[in-house]
Amino acid sequence: MLISGACHCGNLAFQLNWSPEPAEIPARACGCTFCVKHGGVWTSCQTGSLKVAVKEPAQVSTYAFGTKTADFHVCTRCGVVPVVSCRLDGRLYAVVNVNTFEGVPSELLRRSPASFDGEDEATRLARRRRHWIPDVEFVNA
């Protein structure tokens, strides 16, 4: 299944190749203060691939907080955060915000709360290696 998504103005867009076809898509509503304020509800496909296209790189900012091990890609024009990435052992991993999906039926999303409070850095990075999208490419659109 090819899933398209983008920030509100379309400056940051992605295509997630979800393979094999999902019966449902987990949608984790992060409880951290940043995600709550921005409506971050994240998903990933460990066997998928992600291509992120950026039209105007000067209109994209990255924000890292807490352990500073992940970059939230923020469109500075519209303020939406469609993608979070993390580089581990030279490989780029990512999750995408289901609220930025285009044309995906809402009944396919299995929403649940997520809390990573109390997780130390090593545990957090190991979780990302296991669960985040492992094949990620950023390109200029």
Protein backbone atom coordinates (compact mmCIF):
# COMPACT_ATOMS: atom_id res chain seq x y z
CA MET A 1 0.00 0.00 0.00
CA LEU A 2 1.40 3.37 -0.99
CA ILE A 3 0.45 6.04 1.57
CA SER A 4 0.89 9.72 0.73
CA GLY A 5 1.05 12.47 3.30
CA ALA A 6 2.12 16.09 3.61
CA CYS A 7 2.19 19.15 5.77
CA HIS A 8 -0.71 21.58 5.27
CA CYS A 9 1.00 23.66 2.54
CA GLY A 10 2.63 20.68 0.81
CA ASN A 11 6.22 21.77 1.33
CA LEU A 12 7.06 18.55 3.23
CA ALA A 13 5.46 15.53 1.55
CA PHE A 14 6.07 11.81 1.83
CA GLN A 15 5.24 8.48 0.31
CA LEU A 16 5.27 5.50 2.64
CA ASN A 17 5.39 2.13 0.93
CA TRP A 18 3.67 -0.10 3.50
CA SER A 19 4.50 -3.69 2.72
CA PRO A 20 2.84 -6.11 3.08
CA GLU A 21 -0.63 -4.55 2.78
CA PRO A 22 -1.83 -3.62 6.31
CA ALA A 23 -5.02 -5.00 7.83
CA GLU A 24 -4.77 -2.03 10.19
CA ILE A 25 -2.31 0.78 10.85
CA PRO A 26 -1.18 1.39 14.43
CA ALA A 27 -1.51 5.07 15.32
CA ARG A 28 0.32 5.96 18.54
CA ALA A 29 -0.75 9.23 20.14
CA CYS A 30 2.39 10.31 21.96
CA GLY A 31 1.78 11.88 25.33
CA CYS A 32 4.88 14.11 25.41
CA THR A 33 4.24 17.84 25.63
CA PHE A 34 5.48 18.55 22.09
CA CYS A 35 3.32 15.89 20.43
CA VAL A 36 0.27 16.82 22.48
CA LYS A 37 0.63 20.47 21.42
CA HIS A 38 1.14 19.53 17.75
CA GLY A 39 -1.26 16.58 17.51
CA GLY A 40 1.48 14.05 16.83
CA VAL A 41 0.03 10.58 16.18
CA TRP A 42 2.80 8.38 14.82
CA THR A 43 3.08 5.19 12.84
CA SER A 44 5.79 3.16 11.20
CA CYS A 45 6.16 0.05 9.08
CA GLN A 46 9.30 -1.92 9.93
CA THR A 47 9.24 -3.61 6.49
CA GLY A 48 8.37 -0.46 4.55
CA SER A 49 10.22 2.39 2.94
CA LEU A 50 9.74 6.14 3.13
CA LYS A 51 10.57 8.88 0.65
CA VAL A 52 10.29 12.46 1.92
CA ALA A 53 10.22 15.25 -0.66
CA VAL A 54 11.04 18.80 0.39
CA LYS A 55 10.06 21.62 -2.00
CA GLU A 56 11.72 24.48 -0.14
CA PRO A 57 14.41 23.28 2.31
CA ALA A 58 14.78 26.83 3.71
CA GLN A 59 11.16 26.52 4.92
CA VAL A 60 11.89 23.40 7.01
CA SER A 61 13.25 23.42 10.52
CA THR A 62 14.23 20.53 12.74
CA TYR A 63 13.47 20.46 16.42
CA ALA A 64 15.10 18.12 18.93
CA PHE A 65 14.26 18.04 22.62
CA GLY A 66 14.64 15.71 25.59
CA THR A 67 17.41 13.26 24.68
CA LYS A 68 17.96 15.13 21.37
CA THR A 69 18.13 11.80 19.52
CA ALA A 70 15.25 12.50 17.10
CA ASP A 71 14.61 15.36 14.68
CA PHE A 72 11.05 16.63 14.29
CA HIS A 73 10.80 18.06 10.76
CA VAL A 74 8.66 21.18 11.03
CA CYS A 75 7.38 23.12 8.04
CA THR A 76 8.04 26.72 9.06
CA ARG A 77 5.42 28.00 6.62
CA CYS A 78 2.40 26.04 7.96
CA GLY A 79 3.74 24.66 11.27
CA VAL A 80 2.90 20.98 10.63
CA VAL A 81 5.22 18.12 11.65
CA PRO A 82 4.68 15.21 9.25
CA VAL A 83 7.92 13.27 9.91
CA VAL A 84 10.35 12.50 12.72
CA SER A 85 13.74 10.96 11.94
CA CYS A 86 16.60 9.46 13.89
CA ARG A 87 20.04 8.43 12.63
CA LEU A 88 21.31 5.22 14.23
CA ASP A 89 24.58 3.54 13.27
CA GLY A 90 24.68 5.50 10.02
CA ARG A 91 21.12 4.56 9.01
CA LEU A 92 18.16 6.93 8.93
CA TYR A 93 14.93 5.73 10.61
CA ALA A 94 11.61 7.58 10.74
CA VAL A 95 7.98 7.67 11.83
CA VAL A 96 5.18 9.61 10.14
CA ASN A 97 2.22 11.51 11.53
CA VAL A 98 -1.07 9.79 10.55
CA ASN A 99 -2.81 13.17 10.83
CA THR A 100 -0.94 14.15 7.64
CA PHE A 101 -2.14 11.13 5.61
CA GLU A 102 -4.07 11.81 2.43
CA GLY A 103 -6.86 9.46 1.35
CA VAL A 104 -6.35 6.75 3.97
CA PRO A 105 -9.66 5.53 5.42
CA SER A 106 -9.85 6.45 9.13
CA GLU A 107 -11.24 2.98 9.97
CA LEU A 108 -7.85 1.54 8.95
CA LEU A 109 -6.16 3.45 11.81
CA ARG A 110 -5.94 1.75 15.21
CA ARG A 111 -5.40 4.70 17.56
CA SER A 112 -3.90 4.19 21.01
CA PRO A 113 -2.03 6.33 23.54
CA ALA A 114 1.74 6.00 23.84
CA SER A 115 4.03 7.07 26.65
CA PHE A 116 7.79 6.82 26.64
CA ASP A 117 8.27 8.40 30.07
CA GLY A 118 10.93 6.66 32.10
CA GLU A 119 12.60 5.17 29.03
CA ASP A 120 16.37 5.62 29.13
CA GLU A 121 18.25 6.60 25.98
CA ALA A 122 19.58 3.11 25.18
CA THR A 123 16.10 1.58 25.48
CA ARG A 124 14.61 4.36 23.35
CA LEU A 125 17.16 3.91 20.56
CA ALA A 126 16.75 0.11 20.60
CA ARG A 127 12.96 0.54 20.28
CA ARG A 128 13.44 2.81 17.29
CA ARG A 129 15.75 0.27 15.60
CA ARG A 130 13.08 -2.41 16.05
CA HIS A 131 9.95 -0.43 15.17
CA TRP A 132 10.67 2.66 13.06
CA ILE A 133 10.79 2.71 9.25
CA PRO A 134 14.36 1.59 8.41
CA ASP A 135 14.53 2.64 4.75
CA VAL A 136 14.26 6.46 4.60
CA GLU A 137 15.29 8.92 1.93
CA PHE A 138 14.95 12.73 1.89
CA VAL A 139 14.97 14.35 -1.57
CA ASN A 140 14.50 17.85 -2.95
CA ALA A 141 11.19 18.08 -4.80
